[in-house]
Amino acid sequence: ERHQRQLIATNIDTVMLICGLDGD
């Protein structure tokens, strides 16, 4: 519940959003 940012990665050029062509 407490608001806090969580870094996933820094200094990146591209974010590839991976999604399966199945139930995902």
mmCIF file of all heavy atoms, coordinates in Angstrom:
data_MODEL
# 
_entry.id   MODEL 
# 
loop_
_atom_site.group_PDB 
_atom_site.id 
_atom_site.type_symbol 
_atom_site.label_atom_id 
_atom_site.label_alt_id 
_atom_site.label_comp_id 
_atom_site.label_asym_id 
_atom_site.label_entity_id 
_atom_site.label_seq_id 
_atom_site.pdbx_PDB_ins_code 
_atom_site.Cartn_x 
_atom_site.Cartn_y 
_atom_site.Cartn_z 
_atom_site.occupancy 
_atom_site.B_iso_or_equiv 
_atom_site.pdbx_formal_charge 
_atom_site.auth_seq_id 
_atom_site.auth_comp_id 
_atom_site.auth_asym_id 
_atom_site.auth_atom_id 
_atom_site.pdbx_PDB_model_num 
ATOM 1   N N   . GLU A 1 1  ? 0.808  -1.211  0.000   1.00 0.00 ? 1  GLU A N   1 
ATOM 2   C CA  . GLU A 1 1  ? 0.000  0.000   0.000   1.00 0.00 ? 1  GLU A CA  1 
ATOM 3   C C   . GLU A 1 1  ? 0.849  1.272   0.000   1.00 0.00 ? 1  GLU A C   1 
ATOM 4   O O   . GLU A 1 1  ? 0.421  2.306   -0.472  1.00 0.00 ? 1  GLU A O   1 
ATOM 5   C CB  . GLU A 1 1  ? -0.919 0.005   1.229   1.00 0.00 ? 1  GLU A CB  1 
ATOM 6   C CG  . GLU A 1 1  ? -1.951 -1.120  1.211   1.00 0.00 ? 1  GLU A CG  1 
ATOM 7   C CD  . GLU A 1 1  ? -2.869 -1.052  2.399   1.00 0.00 ? 1  GLU A CD  1 
ATOM 8   O OE1 . GLU A 1 1  ? -2.705 -0.138  3.227   1.00 0.00 ? 1  GLU A OE1 1 
ATOM 9   O OE2 . GLU A 1 1  ? -3.764 -1.917  2.508   1.00 0.00 ? 1  GLU A OE2 1 
ATOM 10  N N   . ARG A 1 2  ? 2.046  1.209   0.569   1.00 0.00 ? 2  ARG A N   1 
ATOM 11  C CA  . ARG A 1 2  ? 2.888  2.392   0.648   1.00 0.00 ? 2  ARG A CA  1 
ATOM 12  C C   . ARG A 1 2  ? 3.469  2.717   -0.714  1.00 0.00 ? 2  ARG A C   1 
ATOM 13  O O   . ARG A 1 2  ? 4.057  1.869   -1.371  1.00 0.00 ? 2  ARG A O   1 
ATOM 14  C CB  . ARG A 1 2  ? 4.012  2.155   1.651   1.00 0.00 ? 2  ARG A CB  1 
ATOM 15  C CG  . ARG A 1 2  ? 4.919  3.366   1.829   1.00 0.00 ? 2  ARG A CG  1 
ATOM 16  C CD  . ARG A 1 2  ? 6.019  3.065   2.823   1.00 0.00 ? 2  ARG A CD  1 
ATOM 17  N NE  . ARG A 1 2  ? 6.917  4.193   2.960   1.00 0.00 ? 2  ARG A NE  1 
ATOM 18  C CZ  . ARG A 1 2  ? 8.028  4.175   3.683   1.00 0.00 ? 2  ARG A CZ  1 
ATOM 19  N NH1 . ARG A 1 2  ? 8.356  3.068   4.326   1.00 0.00 ? 2  ARG A NH1 1 
ATOM 20  N NH2 . ARG A 1 2  ? 8.797  5.232   3.753   1.00 0.00 ? 2  ARG A NH2 1 
ATOM 21  N N   . HIS A 1 3  ? 3.299  3.966   -1.152  1.00 0.00 ? 3  HIS A N   1 
ATOM 22  C CA  . HIS A 1 3  ? 3.793  4.350   -2.468  1.00 0.00 ? 3  HIS A CA  1 
ATOM 23  C C   . HIS A 1 3  ? 5.316  4.415   -2.458  1.00 0.00 ? 3  HIS A C   1 
ATOM 24  O O   . HIS A 1 3  ? 5.921  5.110   -1.664  1.00 0.00 ? 3  HIS A O   1 
ATOM 25  C CB  . HIS A 1 3  ? 3.229  5.711   -2.892  1.00 0.00 ? 3  HIS A CB  1 
ATOM 26  C CG  . HIS A 1 3  ? 3.814  6.184   -4.196  1.00 0.00 ? 3  HIS A CG  1 
ATOM 27  N ND1 . HIS A 1 3  ? 3.273  5.844   -5.407  1.00 0.00 ? 3  HIS A ND1 1 
ATOM 28  C CD2 . HIS A 1 3  ? 4.918  6.920   -4.470  1.00 0.00 ? 3  HIS A CD2 1 
ATOM 29  C CE1 . HIS A 1 3  ? 4.005  6.374   -6.378  1.00 0.00 ? 3  HIS A CE1 1 
ATOM 30  N NE2 . HIS A 1 3  ? 5.007  7.026   -5.834  1.00 0.00 ? 3  HIS A NE2 1 
ATOM 31  N N   . GLN A 1 4  ? 5.926  3.652   -3.353  1.00 0.00 ? 4  GLN A N   1 
ATOM 32  C CA  . GLN A 1 4  ? 7.371  3.681   -3.498  1.00 0.00 ? 4  GLN A CA  1 
ATOM 33  C C   . GLN A 1 4  ? 7.726  3.171   -4.882  1.00 0.00 ? 4  GLN A C   1 
ATOM 34  O O   . GLN A 1 4  ? 7.245  2.130   -5.311  1.00 0.00 ? 4  GLN A O   1 
ATOM 35  C CB  . GLN A 1 4  ? 8.040  2.820   -2.421  1.00 0.00 ? 4  GLN A CB  1 
ATOM 36  C CG  . GLN A 1 4  ? 9.434  3.260   -2.055  1.00 0.00 ? 4  GLN A CG  1 
ATOM 37  C CD  . GLN A 1 4  ? 9.872  2.657   -0.725  1.00 0.00 ? 4  GLN A CD  1 
ATOM 38  O OE1 . GLN A 1 4  ? 9.691  1.470   -0.467  1.00 0.00 ? 4  GLN A OE1 1 
ATOM 39  N NE2 . GLN A 1 4  ? 10.441 3.465   0.131   1.00 0.00 ? 4  GLN A NE2 1 
ATOM 40  N N   . ARG A 1 5  ? 8.576  3.923   -5.582  1.00 0.00 ? 5  ARG A N   1 
ATOM 41  C CA  . ARG A 1 5  ? 8.981  3.514   -6.918  1.00 0.00 ? 5  ARG A CA  1 
ATOM 42  C C   . ARG A 1 5  ? 10.029 2.415   -6.821  1.00 0.00 ? 5  ARG A C   1 
ATOM 43  O O   . ARG A 1 5  ? 10.928 2.462   -6.000  1.00 0.00 ? 5  ARG A O   1 
ATOM 44  C CB  . ARG A 1 5  ? 9.550  4.693   -7.704  1.00 0.00 ? 5  ARG A CB  1 
ATOM 45  C CG  . ARG A 1 5  ? 8.515  5.753   -8.043  1.00 0.00 ? 5  ARG A CG  1 
ATOM 46  C CD  . ARG A 1 5  ? 9.163  6.938   -8.712  1.00 0.00 ? 5  ARG A CD  1 
ATOM 47  N NE  . ARG A 1 5  ? 9.532  6.662   -10.088 1.00 0.00 ? 5  ARG A NE  1 
ATOM 48  C CZ  . ARG A 1 5  ? 10.743 6.857   -10.606 1.00 0.00 ? 5  ARG A CZ  1 
ATOM 49  N NH1 . ARG A 1 5  ? 11.737 7.274   -9.856  1.00 0.00 ? 5  ARG A NH1 1 
ATOM 50  N NH2 . ARG A 1 5  ? 10.980 6.622   -11.877 1.00 0.00 ? 5  ARG A NH2 1 
ATOM 51  N N   . GLN A 1 6  ? 9.901  1.422   -7.685  1.00 0.00 ? 6  GLN A N   1 
ATOM 52  C CA  . GLN A 1 6  ? 10.875 0.336   -7.763  1.00 0.00 ? 6  GLN A CA  1 
ATOM 53  C C   . GLN A 1 6  ? 11.493 0.362   -9.153  1.00 0.00 ? 6  GLN A C   1 
ATOM 54  O O   . GLN A 1 6  ? 10.799 0.204   -10.159 1.00 0.00 ? 6  GLN A O   1 
ATOM 55  C CB  . GLN A 1 6  ? 10.199 -1.016  -7.514  1.00 0.00 ? 6  GLN A CB  1 
ATOM 56  C CG  . GLN A 1 6  ? 11.153 -2.199  -7.626  1.00 0.00 ? 6  GLN A CG  1 
ATOM 57  C CD  . GLN A 1 6  ? 10.420 -3.527  -7.534  1.00 0.00 ? 6  GLN A CD  1 
ATOM 58  O OE1 . GLN A 1 6  ? 9.315  -3.669  -8.058  1.00 0.00 ? 6  GLN A OE1 1 
ATOM 59  N NE2 . GLN A 1 6  ? 11.028 -4.496  -6.877  1.00 0.00 ? 6  GLN A NE2 1 
ATOM 60  N N   . LEU A 1 7  ? 12.806 0.579   -9.205  1.00 0.00 ? 7  LEU A N   1 
ATOM 61  C CA  . LEU A 1 7  ? 13.493 0.625   -10.490 1.00 0.00 ? 7  LEU A CA  1 
ATOM 62  C C   . LEU A 1 7  ? 13.600 -0.772  -11.080 1.00 0.00 ? 7  LEU A C   1 
ATOM 63  O O   . LEU A 1 7  ? 14.005 -1.722  -10.402 1.00 0.00 ? 7  LEU A O   1 
ATOM 64  C CB  . LEU A 1 7  ? 14.884 1.235   -10.327 1.00 0.00 ? 7  LEU A CB  1 
ATOM 65  C CG  . LEU A 1 7  ? 14.938 2.736   -10.020 1.00 0.00 ? 7  LEU A CG  1 
ATOM 66  C CD1 . LEU A 1 7  ? 16.379 3.178   -9.820  1.00 0.00 ? 7  LEU A CD1 1 
ATOM 67  C CD2 . LEU A 1 7  ? 14.296 3.540   -11.135 1.00 0.00 ? 7  LEU A CD2 1 
ATOM 68  N N   . ILE A 1 8  ? 13.249 -0.890  -12.344 1.00 0.00 ? 8  ILE A N   1 
ATOM 69  C CA  . ILE A 1 8  ? 13.406 -2.151  -13.073 1.00 0.00 ? 8  ILE A CA  1 
ATOM 70  C C   . ILE A 1 8  ? 14.749 -2.171  -13.781 1.00 0.00 ? 8  ILE A C   1 
ATOM 71  O O   . ILE A 1 8  ? 15.477 -3.165  -13.737 1.00 0.00 ? 8  ILE A O   1 
ATOM 72  C CB  . ILE A 1 8  ? 12.258 -2.339  -14.077 1.00 0.00 ? 8  ILE A CB  1 
ATOM 73  C CG1 . ILE A 1 8  ? 10.918 -2.382  -13.338 1.00 0.00 ? 8  ILE A CG1 1 
ATOM 74  C CG2 . ILE A 1 8  ? 12.459 -3.594  -14.916 1.00 0.00 ? 8  ILE A CG2 1 
ATOM 75  C CD1 . ILE A 1 8  ? 9.718  -2.340  -14.255 1.00 0.00 ? 8  ILE A CD1 1 
ATOM 76  N N   . ALA A 1 9  ? 15.114 -1.068  -14.427 1.00 0.00 ? 9  ALA A N   1 
ATOM 77  C CA  . ALA A 1 9  ? 16.405 -0.941  -15.098 1.00 0.00 ? 9  ALA A CA  1 
ATOM 78  C C   . ALA A 1 9  ? 16.627 0.526   -15.432 1.00 0.00 ? 9  ALA A C   1 
ATOM 79  O O   . ALA A 1 9  ? 15.677 1.308   -15.556 1.00 0.00 ? 9  ALA A O   1 
ATOM 80  C CB  . ALA A 1 9  ? 16.452 -1.791  -16.361 1.00 0.00 ? 9  ALA A CB  1 
ATOM 81  N N   . THR A 1 10 ? 17.901 0.903   -15.589 1.00 0.00 ? 10 THR A N   1 
ATOM 82  C CA  . THR A 1 10 ? 18.251 2.289   -15.905 1.00 0.00 ? 10 THR A CA  1 
ATOM 83  C C   . THR A 1 10 ? 19.172 2.338   -17.121 1.00 0.00 ? 10 THR A C   1 
ATOM 84  O O   . THR A 1 10 ? 19.770 1.333   -17.509 1.00 0.00 ? 10 THR A O   1 
ATOM 85  C CB  . THR A 1 10 ? 18.953 2.974   -14.722 1.00 0.00 ? 10 THR A CB  1 
ATOM 86  O OG1 . THR A 1 10 ? 20.234 2.346   -14.521 1.00 0.00 ? 10 THR A OG1 1 
ATOM 87  C CG2 . THR A 1 10 ? 18.134 2.856   -13.449 1.00 0.00 ? 10 THR A CG2 1 
ATOM 88  N N   . ASN A 1 11 ? 19.275 3.531   -17.699 1.00 0.00 ? 11 ASN A N   1 
ATOM 89  C CA  . ASN A 1 11 ? 20.161 3.776   -18.839 1.00 0.00 ? 11 ASN A CA  1 
ATOM 90  C C   . ASN A 1 11 ? 19.909 2.800   -19.977 1.00 0.00 ? 11 ASN A C   1 
ATOM 91  O O   . ASN A 1 11 ? 20.832 2.205   -20.549 1.00 0.00 ? 11 ASN A O   1 
ATOM 92  C CB  . ASN A 1 11 ? 21.630 3.692   -18.397 1.00 0.00 ? 11 ASN A CB  1 
ATOM 93  C CG  . ASN A 1 11 ? 21.972 4.763   -17.376 1.00 0.00 ? 11 ASN A CG  1 
ATOM 94  O OD1 . ASN A 1 11 ? 21.685 5.941   -17.562 1.00 0.00 ? 11 ASN A OD1 1 
ATOM 95  N ND2 . ASN A 1 11 ? 22.567 4.348   -16.266 1.00 0.00 ? 11 ASN A ND2 1 
ATOM 96  N N   . ILE A 1 12 ? 18.635 2.620   -20.306 1.00 0.00 ? 12 ILE A N   1 
ATOM 97  C CA  . ILE A 1 12 ? 18.245 1.705   -21.374 1.00 0.00 ? 12 ILE A CA  1 
ATOM 98  C C   . ILE A 1 12 ? 17.718 2.502   -22.564 1.00 0.00 ? 12 ILE A C   1 
ATOM 99  O O   . ILE A 1 12 ? 17.184 3.594   -22.422 1.00 0.00 ? 12 ILE A O   1 
ATOM 100 C CB  . ILE A 1 12 ? 17.185 0.704   -20.890 1.00 0.00 ? 12 ILE A CB  1 
ATOM 101 C CG1 . ILE A 1 12 ? 16.048 1.447   -20.185 1.00 0.00 ? 12 ILE A CG1 1 
ATOM 102 C CG2 . ILE A 1 12 ? 17.786 -0.342  -19.985 1.00 0.00 ? 12 ILE A CG2 1 
ATOM 103 C CD1 . ILE A 1 12 ? 14.906 0.587   -19.747 1.00 0.00 ? 12 ILE A CD1 1 
ATOM 104 N N   . ASP A 1 13 ? 17.884 1.927   -23.745 1.00 0.00 ? 13 ASP A N   1 
ATOM 105 C CA  . ASP A 1 13 ? 17.410 2.560   -24.969 1.00 0.00 ? 13 ASP A CA  1 
ATOM 106 C C   . ASP A 1 13 ? 16.083 1.981   -25.431 1.00 0.00 ? 13 ASP A C   1 
ATOM 107 O O   . ASP A 1 13 ? 15.243 2.695   -25.962 1.00 0.00 ? 13 ASP A O   1 
ATOM 108 C CB  . ASP A 1 13 ? 18.461 2.384   -26.080 1.00 0.00 ? 13 ASP A CB  1 
ATOM 109 C CG  . ASP A 1 13 ? 19.823 2.903   -25.673 1.00 0.00 ? 13 ASP A CG  1 
ATOM 110 O OD1 . ASP A 1 13 ? 19.948 4.122   -25.478 1.00 0.00 ? 13 ASP A OD1 1 
ATOM 111 O OD2 . ASP A 1 13 ? 20.754 2.089   -25.522 1.00 0.00 ? 13 ASP A OD2 1 
ATOM 112 N N   . THR A 1 14 ? 15.907 0.672   -25.202 1.00 0.00 ? 14 THR A N   1 
ATOM 113 C CA  . THR A 1 14 ? 14.718 -0.021  -25.692 1.00 0.00 ? 14 THR A CA  1 
ATOM 114 C C   . THR A 1 14 ? 14.141 -0.924  -24.619 1.00 0.00 ? 14 THR A C   1 
ATOM 115 O O   . THR A 1 14 ? 14.884 -1.615  -23.911 1.00 0.00 ? 14 THR A O   1 
ATOM 116 C CB  . THR A 1 14 ? 15.065 -0.886  -26.930 1.00 0.00 ? 14 THR A CB  1 
ATOM 117 O OG1 . THR A 1 14 ? 15.647 -0.058  -27.938 1.00 0.00 ? 14 THR A OG1 1 
ATOM 118 C CG2 . THR A 1 14 ? 13.819 -1.552  -27.494 1.00 0.00 ? 14 THR A CG2 1 
ATOM 119 N N   . VAL A 1 15 ? 12.822 -0.898  -24.489 1.00 0.00 ? 15 VAL A N   1 
ATOM 120 C CA  . VAL A 1 15 ? 12.105 -1.844  -23.622 1.00 0.00 ? 15 VAL A CA  1 
ATOM 121 C C   . VAL A 1 15 ? 11.334 -2.787  -24.535 1.00 0.00 ? 15 VAL A C   1 
ATOM 122 O O   . VAL A 1 15 ? 10.448 -2.357  -25.272 1.00 0.00 ? 15 VAL A O   1 
ATOM 123 C CB  . VAL A 1 15 ? 11.128 -1.136  -22.672 1.00 0.00 ? 15 VAL A CB  1 
ATOM 124 C CG1 . VAL A 1 15 ? 10.416 -2.158  -21.793 1.00 0.00 ? 15 VAL A CG1 1 
ATOM 125 C CG2 . VAL A 1 15 ? 11.849 -0.115  -21.816 1.00 0.00 ? 15 VAL A CG2 1 
ATOM 126 N N   . MET A 1 16 ? 11.704 -4.065  -24.508 1.00 0.00 ? 16 MET A N   1 
ATOM 127 C CA  . MET A 1 16 ? 10.971 -5.060  -25.285 1.00 0.00 ? 16 MET A CA  1 
ATOM 128 C C   . MET A 1 16 ? 9.899  -5.663  -24.397 1.00 0.00 ? 16 MET A C   1 
ATOM 129 O O   . MET A 1 16 ? 10.206 -6.311  -23.387 1.00 0.00 ? 16 MET A O   1 
ATOM 130 C CB  . MET A 1 16 ? 11.910 -6.141  -25.812 1.00 0.00 ? 16 MET A CB  1 
ATOM 131 C CG  . MET A 1 16 ? 12.801 -5.682  -26.949 1.00 0.00 ? 16 MET A CG  1 
ATOM 132 S SD  . MET A 1 16 ? 13.669 -7.070  -27.752 1.00 0.00 ? 16 MET A SD  1 
ATOM 133 C CE  . MET A 1 16 ? 14.545 -6.164  -29.043 1.00 0.00 ? 16 MET A CE  1 
ATOM 134 N N   . LEU A 1 17 ? 8.647  -5.444  -24.760 1.00 0.00 ? 17 LEU A N   1 
ATOM 135 C CA  . LEU A 1 17 ? 7.509  -5.997  -24.028 1.00 0.00 ? 17 LEU A CA  1 
ATOM 136 C C   . LEU A 1 17 ? 7.226  -7.386  -24.598 1.00 0.00 ? 17 LEU A C   1 
ATOM 137 O O   . LEU A 1 17 ? 6.772  -7.507  -25.734 1.00 0.00 ? 17 LEU A O   1 
ATOM 138 C CB  . LEU A 1 17 ? 6.285  -5.095  -24.168 1.00 0.00 ? 17 LEU A CB  1 
ATOM 139 C CG  . LEU A 1 17 ? 6.503  -3.607  -23.854 1.00 0.00 ? 17 LEU A CG  1 
ATOM 140 C CD1 . LEU A 1 17 ? 5.220  -2.823  -24.052 1.00 0.00 ? 17 LEU A CD1 1 
ATOM 141 C CD2 . LEU A 1 17 ? 7.016  -3.444  -22.436 1.00 0.00 ? 17 LEU A CD2 1 
ATOM 142 N N   . ILE A 1 18 ? 7.514  -8.420  -23.820 1.00 0.00 ? 18 ILE A N   1 
ATOM 143 C CA  . ILE A 1 18 ? 7.395  -9.791  -24.300 1.00 0.00 ? 18 ILE A CA  1 
ATOM 144 C C   . ILE A 1 18 ? 6.052  -10.365 -23.870 1.00 0.00 ? 18 ILE A C   1 
ATOM 145 O O   . ILE A 1 18 ? 5.701  -10.356 -22.689 1.00 0.00 ? 18 ILE A O   1 
ATOM 146 C CB  . ILE A 1 18 ? 8.534  -10.675 -23.743 1.00 0.00 ? 18 ILE A CB  1 
ATOM 147 C CG1 . ILE A 1 18 ? 9.891  -9.974  -23.901 1.00 0.00 ? 18 ILE A CG1 1 
ATOM 148 C CG2 . ILE A 1 18 ? 8.526  -12.024 -24.432 1.00 0.00 ? 18 ILE A CG2 1 
ATOM 149 C CD1 . ILE A 1 18 ? 10.275 -9.663  -25.317 1.00 0.00 ? 18 ILE A CD1 1 
ATOM 150 N N   . CYS A 1 19 ? 5.304  -10.879 -24.842 1.00 0.00 ? 19 CYS A N   1 
ATOM 151 C CA  . CYS A 1 19 ? 3.980  -11.450 -24.566 1.00 0.00 ? 19 CYS A CA  1 
ATOM 152 C C   . CYS A 1 19 ? 3.793  -12.679 -25.440 1.00 0.00 ? 19 CYS A C   1 
ATOM 153 O O   . CYS A 1 19 ? 4.049  -12.622 -26.655 1.00 0.00 ? 19 CYS A O   1 
ATOM 154 C CB  . CYS A 1 19 ? 2.890  -10.412 -24.850 1.00 0.00 ? 19 CYS A CB  1 
ATOM 155 S SG  . CYS A 1 19 ? 1.221  -10.953 -24.445 1.00 0.00 ? 19 CYS A SG  1 
ATOM 156 N N   . GLY A 1 20 ? 3.397  -13.790 -24.841 1.00 0.00 ? 20 GLY A N   1 
ATOM 157 C CA  . GLY A 1 20 ? 3.208  -15.010 -25.605 1.00 0.00 ? 20 GLY A CA  1 
ATOM 158 C C   . GLY A 1 20 ? 1.893  -15.021 -26.364 1.00 0.00 ? 20 GLY A C   1 
ATOM 159 O O   . GLY A 1 20 ? 0.879  -14.501 -25.893 1.00 0.00 ? 20 GLY A O   1 
ATOM 160 N N   . LEU A 1 21 ? 1.911  -15.638 -27.548 1.00 0.00 ? 21 LEU A N   1 
ATOM 161 C CA  . LEU A 1 21 ? 0.699  -15.771 -28.356 1.00 0.00 ? 21 LEU A CA  1 
ATOM 162 C C   . LEU A 1 21 ? -0.057 -17.047 -27.953 1.00 0.00 ? 21 LEU A C   1 
ATOM 163 O O   . LEU A 1 21 ? -0.454 -17.848 -28.788 1.00 0.00 ? 21 LEU A O   1 
ATOM 164 C CB  . LEU A 1 21 ? 1.056  -15.796 -29.841 1.00 0.00 ? 21 LEU A CB  1 
ATOM 165 C CG  . LEU A 1 21 ? 1.430  -14.427 -30.435 1.00 0.00 ? 21 LEU A CG  1 
ATOM 166 C CD1 . LEU A 1 21 ? 2.060  -14.592 -31.812 1.00 0.00 ? 21 LEU A CD1 1 
ATOM 167 C CD2 . LEU A 1 21 ? 0.195  -13.537 -30.521 1.00 0.00 ? 21 LEU A CD2 1 
ATOM 168 N N   . ASP A 1 22 ? -0.228 -17.195 -26.649 1.00 0.00 ? 22 ASP A N   1 
ATOM 169 C CA  . ASP A 1 22 ? -0.996 -18.313 -26.105 1.00 0.00 ? 22 ASP A CA  1 
ATOM 170 C C   . ASP A 1 22 ? -1.938 -17.719 -25.070 1.00 0.00 ? 22 ASP A C   1 
ATOM 171 O O   . ASP A 1 22 ? -2.475 -16.624 -25.284 1.00 0.00 ? 22 ASP A O   1 
ATOM 172 C CB  . ASP A 1 22 ? -0.066 -19.383 -25.516 1.00 0.00 ? 22 ASP A CB  1 
ATOM 173 C CG  . ASP A 1 22 ? 0.971  -18.805 -24.546 1.00 0.00 ? 22 ASP A CG  1 
ATOM 174 O OD1 . ASP A 1 22 ? 0.864  -17.621 -24.194 1.00 0.00 ? 22 ASP A OD1 1 
ATOM 175 O OD2 . ASP A 1 22 ? 1.875  -19.556 -24.118 1.00 0.00 ? 22 ASP A OD2 1 
ATOM 176 N N   . GLY A 1 23 ? -2.121 -18.358 -23.948 1.00 0.00 ? 23 GLY A N   1 
ATOM 177 C CA  . GLY A 1 23 ? -2.979 -17.796 -22.913 1.00 0.00 ? 23 GLY A CA  1 
ATOM 178 C C   . GLY A 1 23 ? -2.402 -16.544 -22.280 1.00 0.00 ? 23 GLY A C   1 
ATOM 179 O O   . GLY A 1 23 ? -3.099 -15.850 -21.539 1.00 0.00 ? 23 GLY A O   1 
ATOM 180 N N   . ASP A 1 24 ? -1.143 -16.248 -22.542 1.00 0.00 ? 24 ASP A N   1 
ATOM 181 C CA  . ASP A 1 24 ? -0.498 -15.058 -21.995 1.00 0.00 ? 24 ASP A CA  1 
ATOM 182 C C   . ASP A 1 24 ? -0.908 -13.785 -22.741 1.00 0.00 ? 24 ASP A C   1 
ATOM 183 O O   . ASP A 1 24 ? -0.740 -12.680 -22.223 1.00 0.00 ? 24 ASP A O   1 
ATOM 184 C CB  . ASP A 1 24 ? 1.026  -15.237 -22.063 1.00 0.00 ? 24 ASP A CB  1 
ATOM 185 C CG  . ASP A 1 24 ? 1.795  -14.075 -21.460 1.00 0.00 ? 24 ASP A CG  1 
ATOM 186 O OD1 . ASP A 1 24 ? 1.570  -13.774 -20.273 1.00 0.00 ? 24 ASP A OD1 1 
ATOM 187 O OD2 . ASP A 1 24 ? 2.615  -13.469 -22.175 1.00 0.00 ? 24 ASP A OD2 1 
# 
